[in-house]
């Protein structure tokens, strides 16, 4: 069986490439975070550049949904 693993970690004490430094120092912006909230067969999810932005999007969506429900009930009660 062929060993397909290759150690790409630099030896301690050696310099790393500019590309590697960029990935360590903040990334290249290609990563994203996905947050899924739910249970009981119902879930809501979103993808954003950071976990905080993904969670904020879920929160904003929940607030918008609840506001819509309140408004709909208030109009129906008139």
PDB file of N, CA and C in Angstrom:
ATOM      1  N   UNK A   1       0.838  -1.172   0.000  1.00  0.00           N
ATOM      2  CA  UNK A   1       0.000   0.000   0.000  1.00  0.00           C
ATOM      3  C   UNK A   1       0.885   1.238   0.000  1.00  0.00           C
ATOM      4  N   UNK A   2       0.540   2.197  -0.845  1.00  0.00           N
ATOM      5  CA  UNK A   2       1.345   3.404  -0.990  1.00  0.00           C
ATOM      6  C   UNK A   2       0.973   4.433   0.076  1.00  0.00           C
ATOM      7  N   UNK A   3       1.970   5.052   0.675  1.00  0.00           N
ATOM      8  CA  UNK A   3       1.741   6.092   1.680  1.00  0.00           C
ATOM      9  C   UNK A   3       1.613   7.433   0.969  1.00  0.00           C
ATOM     10  N   UNK A   4       0.383   8.002   0.959  1.00  0.00           N
ATOM     11  CA  UNK A   4       0.126   9.259   0.265  1.00  0.00           C
ATOM     12  C   UNK A   4       0.231  10.477   1.168  1.00  0.00           C
ATOM     13  N   UNK A   5       0.767  10.297   2.350  1.00  0.00           N
ATOM     14  CA  UNK A   5       0.889  11.436   3.254  1.00  0.00           C
ATOM     15  C   UNK A   5       2.220  12.132   3.020  1.00  0.00           C
ATOM     16  N   UNK A   6       2.176  13.439   3.062  1.00  0.00           N
ATOM     17  CA  UNK A   6       3.386  14.222   2.878  1.00  0.00           C
ATOM     18  C   UNK A   6       3.395  15.299   3.958  1.00  0.00           C
ATOM     19  N   UNK A   7       4.457  15.388   4.684  1.00  0.00           N
ATOM     20  CA  UNK A   7       4.572  16.392   5.740  1.00  0.00           C
ATOM     21  C   UNK A   7       4.886  17.736   5.098  1.00  0.00           C
ATOM     22  N   UNK A   8       3.910  18.656   5.140  1.00  0.00           N
ATOM     23  CA  UNK A   8       4.111  19.985   4.563  1.00  0.00           C
ATOM     24  C   UNK A   8       4.434  21.019   5.629  1.00  0.00           C
ATOM     25  N   UNK A   9       4.584  20.592   6.864  1.00  0.00           N
ATOM     26  CA  UNK A   9       4.932  21.518   7.939  1.00  0.00           C
ATOM     27  C   UNK A   9       6.415  21.859   7.867  1.00  0.00           C
ATOM     28  N   UNK A  10       6.734  23.149   8.022  1.00  0.00           N
ATOM     29  CA  UNK A  10       8.151  23.522   7.995  1.00  0.00           C
ATOM     30  C   UNK A  10       8.869  23.014   9.246  1.00  0.00           C
ATOM     31  N   UNK A  11      10.145  22.785   9.095  1.00  0.00           N
ATOM     32  CA  UNK A  11      10.963  22.386  10.231  1.00  0.00           C
ATOM     33  C   UNK A  11      11.073  23.568  11.189  1.00  0.00           C
ATOM     34  N   UNK A  12      10.926  23.324  12.488  1.00  0.00           N
ATOM     35  CA  UNK A  12      11.042  24.438  13.438  1.00  0.00           C
ATOM     36  C   UNK A  12      12.349  25.206  13.237  1.00  0.00           C
ATOM     37  N   UNK A  13      12.228  26.537  13.253  1.00  0.00           N
ATOM     38  CA  UNK A  13      13.399  27.382  13.098  1.00  0.00           C
ATOM     39  C   UNK A  13      13.666  27.814  11.670  1.00  0.00           C
ATOM     40  N   UNK A  14      12.913  27.274  10.709  1.00  0.00           N
ATOM     41  CA  UNK A  14      13.091  27.680   9.316  1.00  0.00           C
ATOM     42  C   UNK A  14      12.010  28.691   8.933  1.00  0.00           C
ATOM     43  N   UNK A  15      12.296  29.445   7.885  1.00  0.00           N
ATOM     44  CA  UNK A  15      11.331  30.437   7.418  1.00  0.00           C
ATOM     45  C   UNK A  15      10.228  29.757   6.621  1.00  0.00           C
ATOM     46  N   UNK A  16       9.023  30.377   6.667  1.00  0.00           N
ATOM     47  CA  UNK A  16       7.918  29.880   5.868  1.00  0.00           C
ATOM     48  C   UNK A  16       7.707  30.831   4.689  1.00  0.00           C
ATOM     49  N   UNK A  17       6.994  30.351   3.680  1.00  0.00           N
ATOM     50  CA  UNK A  17       6.763  31.169   2.490  1.00  0.00           C
ATOM     51  C   UNK A  17       5.766  32.287   2.807  1.00  0.00           C
ATOM     52  N   UNK A  18       5.716  33.279   1.937  1.00  0.00           N
ATOM     53  CA  UNK A  18       4.764  34.386   2.101  1.00  0.00           C
ATOM     54  C   UNK A  18       3.329  33.861   2.058  1.00  0.00           C
ATOM     55  N   UNK A  19       3.090  32.866   1.215  1.00  0.00           N
ATOM     56  CA  UNK A  19       1.748  32.261   1.127  1.00  0.00           C
ATOM     57  C   UNK A  19       1.351  31.610   2.449  1.00  0.00           C
ATOM     58  N   UNK A  20       2.276  30.857   3.043  1.00  0.00           N
ATOM     59  CA  UNK A  20       1.998  30.222   4.329  1.00  0.00           C
ATOM     60  C   UNK A  20       1.773  31.272   5.412  1.00  0.00           C
ATOM     61  N   UNK A  21       2.562  32.338   5.391  1.00  0.00           N
ATOM     62  CA  UNK A  21       2.408  33.403   6.382  1.00  0.00           C
ATOM     63  C   UNK A  21       1.048  34.076   6.247  1.00  0.00           C
ATOM     64  N   UNK A  22       0.593  34.267   5.015  1.00  0.00           N
ATOM     65  CA  UNK A  22      -0.716  34.862   4.786  1.00  0.00           C
ATOM     66  C   UNK A  22      -1.840  34.002   5.316  1.00  0.00           C
ATOM     67  N   UNK A  23      -1.714  32.689   5.155  1.00  0.00           N
ATOM     68  CA  UNK A  23      -2.729  31.776   5.659  1.00  0.00           C
ATOM     69  C   UNK A  23      -2.779  31.796   7.184  1.00  0.00           C
ATOM     70  N   UNK A  24      -1.624  31.859   7.816  1.00  0.00           N
ATOM     71  CA  UNK A  24      -1.558  31.893   9.267  1.00  0.00           C
ATOM     72  C   UNK A  24      -2.011  33.246   9.806  1.00  0.00           C
ATOM     73  N   UNK A  25      -1.623  34.314   9.109  1.00  0.00           N
ATOM     74  CA  UNK A  25      -1.876  35.661   9.596  1.00  0.00           C
ATOM     75  C   UNK A  25      -3.290  36.166   9.388  1.00  0.00           C
ATOM     76  N   UNK A  26      -4.159  35.425   8.788  1.00  0.00           N
ATOM     77  CA  UNK A  26      -5.512  35.914   8.604  1.00  0.00           C
ATOM     78  C   UNK A  26      -6.221  35.234   7.462  1.00  0.00           C
ATOM     79  N   UNK A  27      -5.554  34.370   6.801  1.00  0.00           N
ATOM     80  CA  UNK A  27      -6.189  33.629   5.734  1.00  0.00           C
ATOM     81  C   UNK A  27      -6.261  34.398   4.443  1.00  0.00           C
ATOM     82  N   UNK A  28      -6.744  33.707   3.443  1.00  0.00           N
ATOM     83  CA  UNK A  28      -6.853  34.313   2.124  1.00  0.00           C
ATOM     84  C   UNK A  28      -8.287  34.688   1.789  1.00  0.00           C
ATOM     85  N   UNK A  29      -9.199  34.581   2.764  1.00  0.00           N
ATOM     86  CA  UNK A  29     -10.588  34.953   2.552  1.00  0.00           C
ATOM     87  C   UNK A  29     -11.419  33.875   1.883  1.00  0.00           C
ATOM     88  N   UNK A  30     -10.835  32.707   1.658  1.00  0.00           N
ATOM     89  CA  UNK A  30     -11.575  31.661   0.967  1.00  0.00           C
ATOM     90  C   UNK A  30     -12.394  30.790   1.915  1.00  0.00           C
ATOM     91  N   UNK A  31     -12.204  30.932   3.208  1.00  0.00           N
ATOM     92  CA  UNK A  31     -12.956  30.138   4.175  1.00  0.00           C
ATOM     93  C   UNK A  31     -14.263  30.835   4.518  1.00  0.00           C
ATOM     94  N   UNK A  32     -15.247  30.049   4.887  1.00  0.00           N
ATOM     95  CA  UNK A  32     -16.509  30.613   5.334  1.00  0.00           C
ATOM     96  C   UNK A  32     -17.027  29.778   6.494  1.00  0.00           C
ATOM     97  N   UNK A  33     -18.008  30.317   7.196  1.00  0.00           N
ATOM     98  CA  UNK A  33     -18.593  29.626   8.329  1.00  0.00           C
ATOM     99  C   UNK A  33     -20.057  29.347   8.038  1.00  0.00           C
ATOM    100  N   UNK A  34     -20.487  28.164   8.397  1.00  0.00           N
ATOM    101  CA  UNK A  34     -21.893  27.810   8.248  1.00  0.00           C
ATOM    102  C   UNK A  34     -22.475  27.576   9.625  1.00  0.00           C
ATOM    103  N   UNK A  35     -23.623  28.197   9.879  1.00  0.00           N
ATOM    104  CA  UNK A  35     -24.311  28.035  11.152  1.00  0.00           C
ATOM    105  C   UNK A  35     -25.684  27.465  10.855  1.00  0.00           C
ATOM    106  N   UNK A  36     -26.048  26.417  11.584  1.00  0.00           N
ATOM    107  CA  UNK A  36     -27.372  25.824  11.463  1.00  0.00           C
ATOM    108  C   UNK A  36     -28.001  25.779  12.841  1.00  0.00           C
ATOM    109  N   UNK A  37     -29.239  26.271  12.929  1.00  0.00           N
ATOM    110  CA  UNK A  37     -29.966  26.299  14.195  1.00  0.00           C
ATOM    111  C   UNK A  37     -31.278  25.568  13.971  1.00  0.00           C
ATOM    112  N   UNK A  38     -31.644  24.714  14.891  1.00  0.00           N
ATOM    113  CA  UNK A  38     -32.935  24.060  14.756  1.00  0.00           C
ATOM    114  C   UNK A  38     -33.005  22.749  15.490  1.00  0.00           C
ATOM    115  N   UNK A  39     -34.137  22.144  15.351  1.00  0.00           N
ATOM    116  CA  UNK A  39     -34.387  20.862  15.986  1.00  0.00           C
ATOM    117  C   UNK A  39     -35.806  20.432  15.685  1.00  0.00           C
ATOM    118  N   UNK A  40     -36.144  19.211  15.998  1.00  0.00           N
ATOM    119  CA  UNK A  40     -37.490  18.727  15.765  1.00  0.00           C
ATOM    120  C   UNK A  40     -37.856  18.672  14.291  1.00  0.00           C
ATOM    121  N   UNK A  41     -36.878  18.452  13.429  1.00  0.00           N
ATOM    122  CA  UNK A  41     -37.152  18.352  12.000  1.00  0.00           C
ATOM    123  C   UNK A  41     -37.123  19.670  11.262  1.00  0.00           C
ATOM    124  N   UNK A  42     -36.976  20.791  11.969  1.00  0.00           N
ATOM    125  CA  UNK A  42     -36.925  22.104  11.332  1.00  0.00           C
ATOM    126  C   UNK A  42     -35.587  22.734  11.664  1.00  0.00           C
ATOM    127  N   UNK A  43     -34.884  23.210  10.636  1.00  0.00           N
ATOM    128  CA  UNK A  43     -33.619  23.888  10.895  1.00  0.00           C
ATOM    129  C   UNK A  43     -33.448  25.031   9.914  1.00  0.00           C
ATOM    130  N   UNK A  44     -32.685  26.010  10.329  1.00  0.00           N
ATOM    131  CA  UNK A  44     -32.376  27.182   9.515  1.00  0.00           C
ATOM    132  C   UNK A  44     -30.870  27.302   9.487  1.00  0.00           C
ATOM    133  N   UNK A  45     -30.327  27.579   8.321  1.00  0.00           N
ATOM    134  CA  UNK A  45     -28.879  27.703   8.220  1.00  0.00           C
ATOM    135  C   UNK A  45     -28.480  28.837   7.301  1.00  0.00           C
ATOM    136  N   UNK A  46     -27.261  29.289   7.484  1.00  0.00           N
ATOM    137  CA  UNK A  46     -26.705  30.330   6.625  1.00  0.00           C
ATOM    138  C   UNK A  46     -25.194  30.184   6.580  1.00  0.00           C
ATOM    139  N   UNK A  47     -24.601  30.730   5.540  1.00  0.00           N
ATOM    140  CA  UNK A  47     -23.149  30.726   5.394  1.00  0.00           C
ATOM    141  C   UNK A  47     -22.675  32.162   5.265  1.00  0.00           C
ATOM    142  N   UNK A  48     -21.616  32.500   5.966  1.00  0.00           N
ATOM    143  CA  UNK A  48     -21.064  33.849   5.957  1.00  0.00           C
ATOM    144  C   UNK A  48     -19.547  33.752   6.116  1.00  0.00           C
ATOM    145  N   UNK A  49     -18.861  34.875   5.878  1.00  0.00           N
ATOM    146  CA  UNK A  49     -17.391  34.854   5.983  1.00  0.00           C
ATOM    147  C   UNK A  49     -16.858  34.518   7.381  1.00  0.00           C
ATOM    148  N   UNK A  50     -17.604  34.881   8.433  1.00  0.00           N
ATOM    149  CA  UNK A  50     -17.137  34.611   9.799  1.00  0.00           C
ATOM    150  C   UNK A  50     -18.268  34.000  10.614  1.00  0.00           C
ATOM    151  N   UNK A  51     -17.942  33.281  11.686  1.00  0.00           N
ATOM    152  CA  UNK A  51     -19.001  32.729  12.540  1.00  0.00           C
ATOM    153  C   UNK A  51     -19.916  33.822  13.106  1.00  0.00           C
ATOM    154  N   UNK A  52     -19.347  34.958  13.490  1.00  0.00           N
ATOM    155  CA  UNK A  52     -20.150  36.047  14.042  1.00  0.00           C
ATOM    156  C   UNK A  52     -21.155  36.583  13.042  1.00  0.00           C
ATOM    157  N   UNK A  53     -20.730  36.738  11.799  1.00  0.00           N
ATOM    158  CA  UNK A  53     -21.642  37.227  10.765  1.00  0.00           C
ATOM    159  C   UNK A  53     -22.727  36.201  10.466  1.00  0.00           C
ATOM    160  N   UNK A  54     -22.389  34.921  10.490  1.00  0.00           N
ATOM    161  CA  UNK A  54     -23.382  33.872  10.251  1.00  0.00           C
ATOM    162  C   UNK A  54     -24.417  33.866  11.371  1.00  0.00           C
ATOM    163  N   UNK A  55     -23.972  33.974  12.608  1.00  0.00           N
ATOM    164  CA  UNK A  55     -24.909  33.981  13.739  1.00  0.00           C
ATOM    165  C   UNK A  55     -25.760  35.249  13.745  1.00  0.00           C
ATOM    166  N   UNK A  56     -25.182  36.380  13.359  1.00  0.00           N
ATOM    167  CA  UNK A  56     -25.945  37.622  13.264  1.00  0.00           C
ATOM    168  C   UNK A  56     -27.031  37.499  12.207  1.00  0.00           C
ATOM    169  N   UNK A  57     -26.716  36.862  11.093  1.00  0.00           N
ATOM    170  CA  UNK A  57     -27.708  36.658  10.037  1.00  0.00           C
ATOM    171  C   UNK A  57     -28.861  35.787  10.518  1.00  0.00           C
ATOM    172  N   UNK A  58     -28.559  34.737  11.276  1.00  0.00           N
ATOM    173  CA  UNK A  58     -29.611  33.880  11.834  1.00  0.00           C
ATOM    174  C   UNK A  58     -30.474  34.688  12.806  1.00  0.00           C
ATOM    175  N   UNK A  59     -29.846  35.477  13.674  1.00  0.00           N
ATOM    176  CA  UNK A  59     -30.581  36.295  14.645  1.00  0.00           C
ATOM    177  C   UNK A  59     -31.471  37.310  13.923  1.00  0.00           C
ATOM    178  N   UNK A  60     -30.919  38.015  12.944  1.00  0.00           N
ATOM    179  CA  UNK A  60     -31.706  39.007  12.198  1.00  0.00           C
ATOM    180  C   UNK A  60     -32.895  38.357  11.504  1.00  0.00           C
ATOM    181  N   UNK A  61     -32.700  37.181  10.965  1.00  0.00           N
ATOM    182  CA  UNK A  61     -33.794  36.460  10.321  1.00  0.00           C
ATOM    183  C   UNK A  61     -34.876  36.065  11.307  1.00  0.00           C
ATOM    184  N   UNK A  62     -34.469  35.640  12.493  1.00  0.00           N
ATOM    185  CA  UNK A  62     -35.444  35.269  13.522  1.00  0.00           C
ATOM    186  C   UNK A  62     -36.247  36.483  13.967  1.00  0.00           C
ATOM    187  N   UNK A  63     -35.569  37.622  14.171  1.00  0.00           N
ATOM    188  CA  UNK A  63     -36.266  38.854  14.569  1.00  0.00           C
ATOM    189  C   UNK A  63     -37.255  39.277  13.486  1.00  0.00           C
ATOM    190  N   UNK A  64     -36.843  39.207  12.230  1.00  0.00           N
ATOM    191  CA  UNK A  64     -37.717  39.577  11.113  1.00  0.00           C
ATOM    192  C   UNK A  64     -38.947  38.660  11.054  1.00  0.00           C
ATOM    193  N   UNK A  65     -38.745  37.373  11.280  1.00  0.00           N
ATOM    194  CA  UNK A  65     -39.852  36.418  11.254  1.00  0.00           C
ATOM    195  C   UNK A  65     -40.846  36.686  12.383  1.00  0.00           C
ATOM    196  N   UNK A  66     -40.342  36.885  13.589  1.00  0.00           N
ATOM    197  CA  UNK A  66     -41.218  37.152  14.727  1.00  0.00           C
ATOM    198  C   UNK A  66     -41.961  38.471  14.531  1.00  0.00           C
ATOM    199  N   UNK A  67     -41.292  39.486  14.019  1.00  0.00           N
ATOM    200  CA  UNK A  67     -41.945  40.768  13.756  1.00  0.00           C
ATOM    201  C   UNK A  67     -43.073  40.606  12.744  1.00  0.00           C
ATOM    202  N   UNK A  68     -42.840  39.816  11.720  1.00  0.00           N
ATOM    203  CA  UNK A  68     -43.872  39.562  10.707  1.00  0.00           C
ATOM    204  C   UNK A  68     -45.084  38.859  11.334  1.00  0.00           C
ATOM    205  N   UNK A  69     -44.834  37.884  12.182  1.00  0.00           N
ATOM    206  CA  UNK A  69     -45.917  37.155  12.847  1.00  0.00           C
ATOM    207  C   UNK A  69     -46.732  38.097  13.734  1.00  0.00           C
ATOM    208  N   UNK A  70     -46.056  38.924  14.514  1.00  0.00           N
ATOM    209  CA  UNK A  70     -46.749  39.881  15.397  1.00  0.00           C
ATOM    210  C   UNK A  70     -47.602  40.845  14.571  1.00  0.00           C
ATOM    211  N   UNK A  71     -47.041  41.350  13.499  1.00  0.00           N
ATOM    212  CA  UNK A  71     -47.764  42.291  12.644  1.00  0.00           C
ATOM    213  C   UNK A  71     -48.993  41.624  12.012  1.00  0.00           C
ATOM    214  N   UNK A  72     -48.837  40.409  11.555  1.00  0.00           N
ATOM    215  CA  UNK A  72     -49.945  39.682  10.946  1.00  0.00           C
ATOM    216  C   UNK A  72     -51.072  39.431  11.953  1.00  0.00           C
ATOM    217  N   UNK A  73     -50.718  39.036  13.162  1.00  0.00           N
ATOM    218  CA  UNK A  73     -51.732  38.805  14.200  1.00  0.00           C
ATOM    219  C   UNK A  73     -52.408  40.108  14.592  1.00  0.00           C
ATOM    220  N   UNK A  74     -51.652  41.182  14.695  1.00  0.00           N
ATOM    221  CA  UNK A  74     -52.220  42.482  15.056  1.00  0.00           C
ATOM    222  C   UNK A  74     -53.224  42.952  13.996  1.00  0.00           C
ATOM    223  N   UNK A  75     -52.906  42.775  12.728  1.00  0.00           N
ATOM    224  CA  UNK A  75     -53.842  43.172  11.655  1.00  0.00           C
ATOM    225  C   UNK A  75     -55.083  42.294  11.645  1.00  0.00           C
ATOM    226  N   UNK A  76     -54.917  41.007  11.944  1.00  0.00           N
ATOM    227  CA  UNK A  76     -56.051  40.094  11.965  1.00  0.00           C
ATOM    228  C   UNK A  76     -56.984  40.369  13.139  1.00  0.00           C
ATOM    229  N   UNK A  77     -56.445  40.919  14.213  1.00  0.00           N
ATOM    230  CA  UNK A  77     -57.241  41.172  15.419  1.00  0.00           C
ATOM    231  C   UNK A  77     -58.065  42.452  15.306  1.00  0.00           C
ATOM    232  N   UNK A  78     -57.841  43.263  14.299  1.00  0.00           N
ATOM    233  CA  UNK A  78     -58.578  44.548  14.145  1.00  0.00           C
ATOM    234  C   UNK A  78     -60.029  44.308  13.818  1.00  0.00           C
TER     235      UNK A  78
END
